Every structure is written in structure tokens, then in C-alpha cells.
Amino acid sequence: MNFNEYQDECAKVAVYPNRLNNFIYPALGLCGESGEVAEKIKKIIRDKGGIINDESREEIKKEIGDVLWYVSALCDELKLSMEDVAETNIRKLNDRKKRNMLKGEGDNR
């Protein structure tokens, strides 16, 4: 499955208020789900000495999937394709690598 196929499949199950005219809902959902990923990892550090077992890995995978779903919904709201977002990101990172700018601060380095 590629990003565009994934985005099309996500659109079939996207049910939320004022869909396709409500970028706030998926943006907030993205923040919430990202927090859930971080929370699971925090508890692995606290409760399991930082050791990720198969069960924990599967739970984190589910939360990362939810993050991906909200990325897809936000792309829909902004009329972006996930494929284009991914390709643009790789071009940006490769350009930074070529210029030895992977480290540092700032969006436009």
C-alpha cells in the first residue's frame, strides 16, 4: 500500500464534524495520538526499565497507526496528498544532508 492508497482508505472511515471543512479536528487528534505514543514509551521507561517487548511494540504500533490516520485526515482537510507530503519531506532532508545541515535549528536551514 502506498500513501495515496492509504489516504483513500482512511477517507472511507473518516467521520467527524464538518469533515473537509474542519482542519482543527484532525490537528488536535494528531496531537492527542502523538501524546499517546509518548505516554506508552514513558511507561516503558518507568515500568519496564526501557525494555520494549512484543506486546508493548504492538501497542505502540497501534498508536502510531492512529497518528498516521490523523495525518491523513489533516492532509485531506488541507487538500494535500500524503504522497506529496512524504516526497517533499525526503527532498528537504536530502537537501539538508547534501549541505551538511541535518543538525542545527530552524525550519529553513
C-alpha atoms as a PDB file:
ATOM      1  CA  MET A   1       0.000   0.000   0.000  1.00  0.00           C
ATOM      2  CA  ASN A   2       1.325   3.454  -0.853  1.00  0.00           C
ATOM      3  CA  PHE A   3       0.457   6.715   0.864  1.00  0.00           C
ATOM      4  CA  ASN A   4      -2.231   7.680  -1.642  1.00  0.00           C
ATOM      5  CA  GLU A   5      -3.950   4.308  -1.279  1.00  0.00           C
ATOM      6  CA  TYR A   6      -3.772   4.637   2.499  1.00  0.00           C
ATOM      7  CA  GLN A   7      -5.237   8.148   2.341  1.00  0.00           C
ATOM      8  CA  ASP A   8      -8.103   6.910   0.152  1.00  0.00           C
ATOM      9  CA  GLU A   9      -8.862   4.079   2.596  1.00  0.00           C
ATOM     10  CA  CYS A  10      -8.761   6.453   5.580  1.00  0.00           C
ATOM     11  CA  ALA A  11     -11.242   8.781   3.892  1.00  0.00           C
ATOM     12  CA  LYS A  12     -13.767   5.933   3.828  1.00  0.00           C
ATOM     13  CA  VAL A  13     -13.810   5.767   7.627  1.00  0.00           C
ATOM     14  CA  ALA A  14     -13.328   9.465   8.417  1.00  0.00           C
ATOM     15  CA  VAL A  15     -16.318  10.536  10.462  1.00  0.00           C
ATOM     16  CA  TYR A  16     -16.087  13.804  12.372  1.00  0.00           C
ATOM     17  CA  PRO A  17     -17.917  17.139  12.449  1.00  0.00           C
ATOM     18  CA  ASN A  18     -17.823  19.222   9.276  1.00  0.00           C
ATOM     19  CA  ARG A  19     -15.359  16.912   7.544  1.00  0.00           C
ATOM     20  CA  LEU A  20     -13.363  18.542   4.717  1.00  0.00           C
ATOM     21  CA  ASN A  21     -14.026  21.929   6.260  1.00  0.00           C
ATOM     22  CA  ASN A  22     -12.531  21.371   9.701  1.00  0.00           C
ATOM     23  CA  PHE A  23      -8.727  21.250   9.880  1.00  0.00           C
ATOM     24  CA  ILE A  24      -8.804  21.838  13.640  1.00  0.00           C
ATOM     25  CA  TYR A  25     -10.306  18.423  14.469  1.00  0.00           C
ATOM     26  CA  PRO A  26      -7.576  16.287  12.859  1.00  0.00           C
ATOM     27  CA  ALA A  27      -4.843  18.670  14.050  1.00  0.00           C
ATOM     28  CA  LEU A  28      -5.997  18.212  17.644  1.00  0.00           C
ATOM     29  CA  GLY A  29      -6.399  14.468  17.113  1.00  0.00           C
ATOM     30  CA  LEU A  30      -2.829  14.299  15.799  1.00  0.00           C
ATOM     31  CA  CYS A  31      -1.574  15.995  18.959  1.00  0.00           C
ATOM     32  CA  GLY A  32      -3.573  13.651  21.161  1.00  0.00           C
ATOM     33  CA  GLU A  33      -2.442  10.479  19.434  1.00  0.00           C
ATOM     34  CA  SER A  34       1.192  11.624  19.374  1.00  0.00           C
ATOM     35  CA  GLY A  35       0.864  12.139  23.104  1.00  0.00           C
ATOM     36  CA  GLU A  36      -0.439   8.587  23.482  1.00  0.00           C
ATOM     37  CA  VAL A  37       2.673   7.257  21.704  1.00  0.00           C
ATOM     38  CA  ALA A  38       4.861   9.274  24.060  1.00  0.00           C
ATOM     39  CA  GLU A  39       2.853   8.115  27.068  1.00  0.00           C
ATOM     40  CA  LYS A  40       3.313   4.441  26.190  1.00  0.00           C
ATOM     41  CA  ILE A  41       7.049   4.963  25.770  1.00  0.00           C
ATOM     42  CA  LYS A  42       7.229   6.878  29.064  1.00  0.00           C
ATOM     43  CA  LYS A  43       5.586   3.967  30.856  1.00  0.00           C
ATOM     44  CA  ILE A  44       8.036   1.514  29.275  1.00  0.00           C
ATOM     45  CA  ILE A  45      10.870   3.593  30.691  1.00  0.00           C
ATOM     46  CA  ARG A  46       9.184   3.863  34.092  1.00  0.00           C
ATOM     47  CA  ASP A  47       7.790   0.353  34.469  1.00  0.00           C
ATOM     48  CA  LYS A  48       9.924  -1.887  32.258  1.00  0.00           C
ATOM     49  CA  GLY A  49      13.384  -0.372  32.508  1.00  0.00           C
ATOM     50  CA  GLY A  50      13.164   0.866  28.922  1.00  0.00           C
ATOM     51  CA  ILE A  51      12.823  -2.645  27.512  1.00  0.00           C
ATOM     52  CA  ILE A  52      10.270  -2.930  24.710  1.00  0.00           C
ATOM     53  CA  ASN A  53       8.707  -6.379  24.462  1.00  0.00           C
ATOM     54  CA  ASP A  54       6.493  -7.677  21.649  1.00  0.00           C
ATOM     55  CA  GLU A  55       3.280  -6.684  23.447  1.00  0.00           C
ATOM     56  CA  SER A  56       4.499  -3.119  24.026  1.00  0.00           C
ATOM     57  CA  ARG A  57       5.696  -2.873  20.434  1.00  0.00           C
ATOM     58  CA  GLU A  58       2.236  -3.875  19.174  1.00  0.00           C
ATOM     59  CA  GLU A  59       0.529  -1.325  21.430  1.00  0.00           C
ATOM     60  CA  ILE A  60       2.844   1.429  20.215  1.00  0.00           C
ATOM     61  CA  LYS A  61       2.264   0.309  16.616  1.00  0.00           C
ATOM     62  CA  LYS A  62      -1.486   0.809  17.088  1.00  0.00           C
ATOM     63  CA  GLU A  63      -0.958   4.313  18.418  1.00  0.00           C
ATOM     64  CA  ILE A  64       1.422   5.169  15.567  1.00  0.00           C
ATOM     65  CA  GLY A  65      -1.307   3.957  13.219  1.00  0.00           C
ATOM     66  CA  ASP A  66      -3.707   6.410  14.845  1.00  0.00           C
ATOM     67  CA  VAL A  67      -1.119   9.181  14.335  1.00  0.00           C
ATOM     68  CA  LEU A  68      -0.910   8.207  10.679  1.00  0.00           C
ATOM     69  CA  TRP A  69      -4.724   8.272  10.362  1.00  0.00           C
ATOM     70  CA  TYR A  70      -4.849  11.825  11.680  1.00  0.00           C
ATOM     71  CA  VAL A  71      -2.024  12.854   9.342  1.00  0.00           C
ATOM     72  CA  SER A  72      -4.153  11.518   6.502  1.00  0.00           C
ATOM     73  CA  ALA A  73      -7.247  13.385   7.698  1.00  0.00           C
ATOM     74  CA  LEU A  74      -5.276  16.618   8.079  1.00  0.00           C
ATOM     75  CA  CYS A  75      -3.876  16.196   4.574  1.00  0.00           C
ATOM     76  CA  ASP A  76      -7.441  15.789   3.280  1.00  0.00           C
ATOM     77  CA  GLU A  77      -8.519  18.950   5.080  1.00  0.00           C
ATOM     78  CA  LEU A  78      -5.612  20.883   3.560  1.00  0.00           C
ATOM     79  CA  LYS A  79      -6.098  19.336   0.105  1.00  0.00           C
ATOM     80  CA  LEU A  80      -2.659  17.689   0.229  1.00  0.00           C
ATOM     81  CA  SER A  81      -1.719  14.193  -0.807  1.00  0.00           C
ATOM     82  CA  MET A  82       0.251  12.171   1.725  1.00  0.00           C
ATOM     83  CA  GLU A  83       2.431  11.001  -1.158  1.00  0.00           C
ATOM     84  CA  ASP A  84       3.368  14.590  -1.996  1.00  0.00           C
ATOM     85  CA  VAL A  85       3.985  15.429   1.669  1.00  0.00           C
ATOM     86  CA  ALA A  86       6.293  12.406   2.014  1.00  0.00           C
ATOM     87  CA  GLU A  87       8.183  13.192  -1.204  1.00  0.00           C
ATOM     88  CA  THR A  88       8.580  16.863  -0.232  1.00  0.00           C
ATOM     89  CA  ASN A  89       9.913  15.851   3.174  1.00  0.00           C
ATOM     90  CA  ILE A  90      12.503  13.462   1.695  1.00  0.00           C
ATOM     91  CA  ARG A  91      13.659  16.131  -0.779  1.00  0.00           C
ATOM     92  CA  LYS A  92      14.054  18.600   2.103  1.00  0.00           C
ATOM     93  CA  LEU A  93      16.020  16.116   4.232  1.00  0.00           C
ATOM     94  CA  ASN A  94      18.251  15.047   1.351  1.00  0.00           C
ATOM     95  CA  ASP A  95      18.980  18.698   0.581  1.00  0.00           C
ATOM     96  CA  ARG A  96      19.931  19.303   4.224  1.00  0.00           C
ATOM     97  CA  LYS A  97      22.174  16.236   4.141  1.00  0.00           C
ATOM     98  CA  LYS A  98      23.863  17.424   0.952  1.00  0.00           C
ATOM     99  CA  ARG A  99      24.549  20.800   2.589  1.00  0.00           C
ATOM    100  CA  ASN A 100      25.619  19.155   5.889  1.00  0.00           C
ATOM    101  CA  MET A 101      22.689  20.824   7.678  1.00  0.00           C
ATOM    102  CA  LEU A 102      20.895  17.839   9.235  1.00  0.00           C
ATOM    103  CA  LYS A 103      21.910  19.107  12.671  1.00  0.00           C
ATOM    104  CA  GLY A 104      21.067  22.536  13.913  1.00  0.00           C
ATOM    105  CA  GLU A 105      17.954  24.577  14.455  1.00  0.00           C
ATOM    106  CA  GLY A 106      15.410  26.310  12.299  1.00  0.00           C
ATOM    107  CA  ASP A 107      12.885  25.189   9.744  1.00  0.00           C
ATOM    108  CA  ASN A 108      14.731  26.616   6.755  1.00  0.00           C
ATOM    109  CA  ARG A 109      18.314  25.532   7.436  1.00  0.00           C
END
